Amino acid sequence: MKSSFVLALDPVIKLMGWLIDPKNRQVEIYRSQRPTETLDNPKFLSGEDILPGFVLNMQSVFQSL
């Protein structure tokens, strides 16, 4: 079961979402006008150019879920 979805919106209407699957330790990344990217057991997620400087420690997230 996929349990977490995080969205971020910047003033230029760029959209990014993370769909976190803690059971399989996968993250699907959704970006405007780009194909979905699936990461297997990522250590970190970056806010890229939408949330500059933001880094999410996925190992801590996976351990807490």
C-alpha atoms as a PDB file:
ATOM      1  CA  MET A   1       0.000   0.000   0.000  1.00  0.00           C
ATOM      2  CA  LYS A   2       1.342   3.408  -0.936  1.00  0.00           C
ATOM      3  CA  SER A   3       0.946   5.687   2.019  1.00  0.00           C
ATOM      4  CA  SER A   4       2.495   9.080   1.432  1.00  0.00           C
ATOM      5  CA  PHE A   5       2.180  11.682  -1.286  1.00  0.00           C
ATOM      6  CA  VAL A   6       3.998  14.998  -1.065  1.00  0.00           C
ATOM      7  CA  LEU A   7       3.383  17.904  -3.475  1.00  0.00           C
ATOM      8  CA  ALA A   8       5.308  21.113  -3.935  1.00  0.00           C
ATOM      9  CA  LEU A   9       4.305  24.120  -6.025  1.00  0.00           C
ATOM     10  CA  ASP A  10       6.512  27.053  -6.964  1.00  0.00           C
ATOM     11  CA  PRO A  11       5.447  30.460  -8.358  1.00  0.00           C
ATOM     12  CA  VAL A  12       6.085  29.372 -11.957  1.00  0.00           C
ATOM     13  CA  ILE A  13       3.573  26.504 -11.559  1.00  0.00           C
ATOM     14  CA  LYS A  14       6.125  23.735 -11.559  1.00  0.00           C
ATOM     15  CA  LEU A  15       4.672  20.691  -9.875  1.00  0.00           C
ATOM     16  CA  MET A  16       6.490  17.800  -8.270  1.00  0.00           C
ATOM     17  CA  GLY A  17       5.079  14.956  -6.213  1.00  0.00           C
ATOM     18  CA  TRP A  18       6.589  12.034  -4.367  1.00  0.00           C
ATOM     19  CA  LEU A  19       4.592   8.860  -3.891  1.00  0.00           C
ATOM     20  CA  ILE A  20       6.321   6.896  -1.142  1.00  0.00           C
ATOM     21  CA  ASP A  21       5.867   3.128  -0.876  1.00  0.00           C
ATOM     22  CA  PRO A  22       7.446   2.185   2.464  1.00  0.00           C
ATOM     23  CA  LYS A  23       6.745  -1.552   2.131  1.00  0.00           C
ATOM     24  CA  ASN A  24       8.794  -1.849  -1.066  1.00  0.00           C
ATOM     25  CA  ARG A  25      11.089   1.082  -0.231  1.00  0.00           C
ATOM     26  CA  GLN A  26      10.282   2.813  -3.489  1.00  0.00           C
ATOM     27  CA  VAL A  27       9.513   6.395  -4.420  1.00  0.00           C
ATOM     28  CA  GLU A  28       7.735   7.516  -7.570  1.00  0.00           C
ATOM     29  CA  ILE A  29       8.595  11.071  -8.585  1.00  0.00           C
ATOM     30  CA  TYR A  30       6.032  13.011 -10.586  1.00  0.00           C
ATOM     31  CA  ARG A  31       7.127  16.189 -12.371  1.00  0.00           C
ATOM     32  CA  SER A  32       5.259  18.491 -14.726  1.00  0.00           C
ATOM     33  CA  GLN A  33       5.570  17.421 -18.352  1.00  0.00           C
ATOM     34  CA  ARG A  34       8.055  14.642 -17.597  1.00  0.00           C
ATOM     35  CA  PRO A  35       7.693  10.863 -17.283  1.00  0.00           C
ATOM     36  CA  THR A  36       7.322   9.356 -13.829  1.00  0.00           C
ATOM     37  CA  GLU A  37      10.614   8.232 -12.299  1.00  0.00           C
ATOM     38  CA  THR A  38      10.772   5.302  -9.858  1.00  0.00           C
ATOM     39  CA  LEU A  39      13.605   5.064  -7.343  1.00  0.00           C
ATOM     40  CA  ASP A  40      14.378   1.850  -5.466  1.00  0.00           C
ATOM     41  CA  ASN A  41      15.467   2.328  -1.844  1.00  0.00           C
ATOM     42  CA  PRO A  42      16.764   5.901  -2.265  1.00  0.00           C
ATOM     43  CA  LYS A  43      18.887   7.300   0.538  1.00  0.00           C
ATOM     44  CA  PHE A  44      17.772  10.884  -0.044  1.00  0.00           C
ATOM     45  CA  LEU A  45      15.236  12.881  -2.055  1.00  0.00           C
ATOM     46  CA  SER A  46      16.070  16.338  -3.317  1.00  0.00           C
ATOM     47  CA  GLY A  47      13.695  19.261  -3.668  1.00  0.00           C
ATOM     48  CA  GLU A  48      15.469  19.926  -6.970  1.00  0.00           C
ATOM     49  CA  ASP A  49      14.792  23.396  -8.412  1.00  0.00           C
ATOM     50  CA  ILE A  50      11.304  23.552  -6.838  1.00  0.00           C
ATOM     51  CA  LEU A  51      12.537  23.418  -3.227  1.00  0.00           C
ATOM     52  CA  PRO A  52      16.212  24.390  -3.528  1.00  0.00           C
ATOM     53  CA  GLY A  53      18.338  23.085  -0.676  1.00  0.00           C
ATOM     54  CA  PHE A  54      15.642  20.718   0.621  1.00  0.00           C
ATOM     55  CA  VAL A  55      16.852  17.165   1.193  1.00  0.00           C
ATOM     56  CA  LEU A  56      14.717  14.403   2.724  1.00  0.00           C
ATOM     57  CA  ASN A  57      16.532  11.517   4.420  1.00  0.00           C
ATOM     58  CA  MET A  58      14.532   8.558   3.139  1.00  0.00           C
ATOM     59  CA  GLN A  59      16.267   6.018   5.380  1.00  0.00           C
ATOM     60  CA  SER A  60      14.765   7.819   8.393  1.00  0.00           C
ATOM     61  CA  VAL A  61      11.367   7.937   6.675  1.00  0.00           C
ATOM     62  CA  PHE A  62      11.405   4.231   5.815  1.00  0.00           C
ATOM     63  CA  GLN A  63      12.469   3.280   9.354  1.00  0.00           C
ATOM     64  CA  SER A  64       9.675   5.308  10.917  1.00  0.00           C
ATOM     65  CA  LEU A  65       6.874   3.882   8.733  1.00  0.00           C
END
